[in-house]
């Protein structure tokens, strides 16, 4: 039994992390000229996954690391145990291993079912 030709293809883990990271980046107060650099730093960190983590190069890189920590935890838990468990994990890690402001912004984003639908489809939907 194969997949139907029109069944949605799941995003790659890298694409999911980038998408979550982009959504979080849009919610924080960051200058527009730093946003492109932030996206670049997030992608560099995603692509280096599995390698020895490099020390943050600057404040923008540090922010990318914090955003990806939220995205990675949420995606890993959601993939295994579903959205509600992912939200609970982010809430639990807030202030411990996750930046509280970013955790709060993520929880606001993730409270919408559209967020999770978009994350599981092959279409980048503005949630």
C-alpha atoms as a PDB file:
ATOM      1  CA  UNK A   1       0.000   0.000   0.000  1.00  0.00           C
ATOM      2  CA  UNK A   2       1.556   3.270  -1.145  1.00  0.00           C
ATOM      3  CA  UNK A   3       0.698   6.823  -0.369  1.00  0.00           C
ATOM      4  CA  UNK A   4      -1.861   8.490  -2.551  1.00  0.00           C
ATOM      5  CA  UNK A   5      -0.298  10.879  -5.050  1.00  0.00           C
ATOM      6  CA  UNK A   6      -2.142  13.871  -3.645  1.00  0.00           C
ATOM      7  CA  UNK A   7      -1.409  13.134   0.006  1.00  0.00           C
ATOM      8  CA  UNK A   8       0.502  15.983   1.666  1.00  0.00           C
ATOM      9  CA  UNK A   9       4.197  15.401   2.106  1.00  0.00           C
ATOM     10  CA  UNK A  10       5.508  16.159   5.558  1.00  0.00           C
ATOM     11  CA  UNK A  11       8.056  18.925   5.865  1.00  0.00           C
ATOM     12  CA  UNK A  12      11.604  17.900   6.678  1.00  0.00           C
ATOM     13  CA  UNK A  13      12.734  18.430  10.248  1.00  0.00           C
ATOM     14  CA  UNK A  14      14.975  21.266   9.051  1.00  0.00           C
ATOM     15  CA  UNK A  15      12.052  22.969   7.303  1.00  0.00           C
ATOM     16  CA  UNK A  16       9.851  22.578  10.392  1.00  0.00           C
ATOM     17  CA  UNK A  17      12.521  24.076  12.662  1.00  0.00           C
ATOM     18  CA  UNK A  18      13.046  26.955  10.248  1.00  0.00           C
ATOM     19  CA  UNK A  19       9.295  27.563   9.961  1.00  0.00           C
ATOM     20  CA  UNK A  20       8.775  27.580  13.736  1.00  0.00           C
ATOM     21  CA  UNK A  21      11.843  29.789  14.130  1.00  0.00           C
ATOM     22  CA  UNK A  22      10.559  32.224  11.505  1.00  0.00           C
ATOM     23  CA  UNK A  23       7.170  32.450  13.188  1.00  0.00           C
ATOM     24  CA  UNK A  24       8.843  33.157  16.543  1.00  0.00           C
ATOM     25  CA  UNK A  25      11.206  35.711  15.000  1.00  0.00           C
ATOM     26  CA  UNK A  26       8.206  37.608  13.604  1.00  0.00           C
ATOM     27  CA  UNK A  27       6.777  37.949  17.121  1.00  0.00           C
ATOM     28  CA  UNK A  28       9.810  39.412  18.829  1.00  0.00           C
ATOM     29  CA  UNK A  29      10.854  43.022  18.808  1.00  0.00           C
ATOM     30  CA  UNK A  30      13.814  42.978  16.437  1.00  0.00           C
ATOM     31  CA  UNK A  31      14.950  45.579  13.952  1.00  0.00           C
ATOM     32  CA  UNK A  32      14.018  44.733  10.364  1.00  0.00           C
ATOM     33  CA  UNK A  33      17.651  44.856   9.225  1.00  0.00           C
ATOM     34  CA  UNK A  34      18.561  42.221  11.846  1.00  0.00           C
ATOM     35  CA  UNK A  35      15.749  39.874  10.820  1.00  0.00           C
ATOM     36  CA  UNK A  36      17.524  38.632   7.671  1.00  0.00           C
ATOM     37  CA  UNK A  37      20.686  38.019   9.663  1.00  0.00           C
ATOM     38  CA  UNK A  38      18.650  36.170  12.296  1.00  0.00           C
ATOM     39  CA  UNK A  39      17.124  33.888   9.639  1.00  0.00           C
ATOM     40  CA  UNK A  40      20.586  33.248   8.207  1.00  0.00           C
ATOM     41  CA  UNK A  41      22.000  32.408  11.649  1.00  0.00           C
ATOM     42  CA  UNK A  42      19.065  30.048  12.356  1.00  0.00           C
ATOM     43  CA  UNK A  43      19.645  28.192   9.070  1.00  0.00           C
ATOM     44  CA  UNK A  44      23.376  27.937   9.771  1.00  0.00           C
ATOM     45  CA  UNK A  45      22.600  26.446  13.194  1.00  0.00           C
ATOM     46  CA  UNK A  46      20.020  24.042  11.727  1.00  0.00           C
ATOM     47  CA  UNK A  47      22.459  22.874   9.065  1.00  0.00           C
ATOM     48  CA  UNK A  48      25.170  22.336  11.695  1.00  0.00           C
ATOM     49  CA  UNK A  49      22.865  20.118  13.750  1.00  0.00           C
ATOM     50  CA  UNK A  50      24.719  17.073  15.001  1.00  0.00           C
ATOM     51  CA  UNK A  51      28.047  18.885  14.934  1.00  0.00           C
ATOM     52  CA  UNK A  52      29.799  20.214  18.006  1.00  0.00           C
ATOM     53  CA  UNK A  53      27.855  23.420  18.745  1.00  0.00           C
ATOM     54  CA  UNK A  54      29.945  26.499  18.013  1.00  0.00           C
ATOM     55  CA  UNK A  55      30.008  29.344  20.507  1.00  0.00           C
ATOM     56  CA  UNK A  56      27.619  32.178  19.624  1.00  0.00           C
ATOM     57  CA  UNK A  57      29.250  34.652  17.249  1.00  0.00           C
ATOM     58  CA  UNK A  58      27.179  37.657  18.295  1.00  0.00           C
ATOM     59  CA  UNK A  59      23.882  38.720  19.871  1.00  0.00           C
ATOM     60  CA  UNK A  60      21.887  37.735  16.772  1.00  0.00           C
ATOM     61  CA  UNK A  61      23.462  34.283  16.731  1.00  0.00           C
ATOM     62  CA  UNK A  62      22.655  33.907  20.449  1.00  0.00           C
ATOM     63  CA  UNK A  63      19.011  34.795  19.697  1.00  0.00           C
ATOM     64  CA  UNK A  64      18.980  32.200  16.898  1.00  0.00           C
ATOM     65  CA  UNK A  65      20.222  29.589  19.385  1.00  0.00           C
ATOM     66  CA  UNK A  66      17.463  30.486  21.866  1.00  0.00           C
ATOM     67  CA  UNK A  67      14.755  30.397  19.178  1.00  0.00           C
ATOM     68  CA  UNK A  68      15.951  27.046  17.862  1.00  0.00           C
ATOM     69  CA  UNK A  69      15.995  25.603  21.384  1.00  0.00           C
ATOM     70  CA  UNK A  70      12.240  26.287  21.592  1.00  0.00           C
ATOM     71  CA  UNK A  71      11.617  25.059  18.034  1.00  0.00           C
ATOM     72  CA  UNK A  72      13.637  21.876  18.534  1.00  0.00           C
ATOM     73  CA  UNK A  73      11.973  20.906  21.805  1.00  0.00           C
ATOM     74  CA  UNK A  74       8.501  21.632  20.424  1.00  0.00           C
ATOM     75  CA  UNK A  75       9.096  19.750  17.183  1.00  0.00           C
ATOM     76  CA  UNK A  76      10.747  16.728  18.811  1.00  0.00           C
ATOM     77  CA  UNK A  77       7.973  16.315  21.382  1.00  0.00           C
ATOM     78  CA  UNK A  78       5.136  17.074  18.935  1.00  0.00           C
ATOM     79  CA  UNK A  79       6.476  14.529  16.445  1.00  0.00           C
ATOM     80  CA  UNK A  80       6.554  11.849  19.128  1.00  0.00           C
ATOM     81  CA  UNK A  81       3.644  12.734  21.431  1.00  0.00           C
ATOM     82  CA  UNK A  82       1.522  15.426  19.767  1.00  0.00           C
ATOM     83  CA  UNK A  83       0.939  19.178  20.036  1.00  0.00           C
ATOM     84  CA  UNK A  84      -0.522  19.265  23.567  1.00  0.00           C
ATOM     85  CA  UNK A  85       2.458  17.421  25.009  1.00  0.00           C
ATOM     86  CA  UNK A  86       4.818  19.699  23.060  1.00  0.00           C
ATOM     87  CA  UNK A  87       3.152  22.779  24.534  1.00  0.00           C
ATOM     88  CA  UNK A  88       3.397  21.284  28.022  1.00  0.00           C
ATOM     89  CA  UNK A  89       7.103  20.514  27.477  1.00  0.00           C
ATOM     90  CA  UNK A  90       7.807  24.094  26.368  1.00  0.00           C
ATOM     91  CA  UNK A  91       5.865  25.456  29.338  1.00  0.00           C
ATOM     92  CA  UNK A  92       7.807  23.176  31.698  1.00  0.00           C
ATOM     93  CA  UNK A  93      11.216  24.144  30.231  1.00  0.00           C
ATOM     94  CA  UNK A  94      10.468  27.885  30.257  1.00  0.00           C
ATOM     95  CA  UNK A  95      12.951  29.685  32.480  1.00  0.00           C
ATOM     96  CA  UNK A  96      15.036  26.537  32.788  1.00  0.00           C
ATOM     97  CA  UNK A  97      16.465  25.525  29.408  1.00  0.00           C
ATOM     98  CA  UNK A  98      14.292  27.914  27.382  1.00  0.00           C
ATOM     99  CA  UNK A  99      14.164  31.702  27.309  1.00  0.00           C
ATOM    100  CA  UNK A 100      10.836  32.541  29.062  1.00  0.00           C
ATOM    101  CA  UNK A 101       9.798  35.279  26.608  1.00  0.00           C
ATOM    102  CA  UNK A 102      10.338  32.973  23.627  1.00  0.00           C
ATOM    103  CA  UNK A 103       8.519  30.116  25.343  1.00  0.00           C
ATOM    104  CA  UNK A 104       5.582  32.433  26.023  1.00  0.00           C
ATOM    105  CA  UNK A 105       5.510  33.631  22.395  1.00  0.00           C
ATOM    106  CA  UNK A 106       5.660  30.033  21.178  1.00  0.00           C
ATOM    107  CA  UNK A 107       2.770  29.009  23.425  1.00  0.00           C
ATOM    108  CA  UNK A 108       0.688  31.856  22.033  1.00  0.00           C
ATOM    109  CA  UNK A 109       1.494  30.703  18.468  1.00  0.00           C
ATOM    110  CA  UNK A 110       0.968  27.020  19.254  1.00  0.00           C
ATOM    111  CA  UNK A 111      -2.427  27.576  20.848  1.00  0.00           C
ATOM    112  CA  UNK A 112      -3.854  27.843  17.329  1.00  0.00           C
ATOM    113  CA  UNK A 113      -4.716  24.543  15.626  1.00  0.00           C
ATOM    114  CA  UNK A 114      -3.807  26.232  12.326  1.00  0.00           C
ATOM    115  CA  UNK A 115      -0.193  26.423  13.519  1.00  0.00           C
ATOM    116  CA  UNK A 116      -0.005  22.636  13.890  1.00  0.00           C
ATOM    117  CA  UNK A 117      -1.872  21.963  10.640  1.00  0.00           C
ATOM    118  CA  UNK A 118       0.532  24.202   8.750  1.00  0.00           C
ATOM    119  CA  UNK A 119       3.515  22.525  10.390  1.00  0.00           C
ATOM    120  CA  UNK A 120       2.359  19.072   9.306  1.00  0.00           C
ATOM    121  CA  UNK A 121       1.556  19.969   5.706  1.00  0.00           C
ATOM    122  CA  UNK A 122       3.808  20.569   2.729  1.00  0.00           C
ATOM    123  CA  UNK A 123       2.481  24.095   2.297  1.00  0.00           C
ATOM    124  CA  UNK A 124       3.969  27.001   4.200  1.00  0.00           C
ATOM    125  CA  UNK A 125       0.818  28.548   5.591  1.00  0.00           C
ATOM    126  CA  UNK A 126       0.736  31.846   7.438  1.00  0.00           C
ATOM    127  CA  UNK A 127      -0.648  30.789  10.800  1.00  0.00           C
END
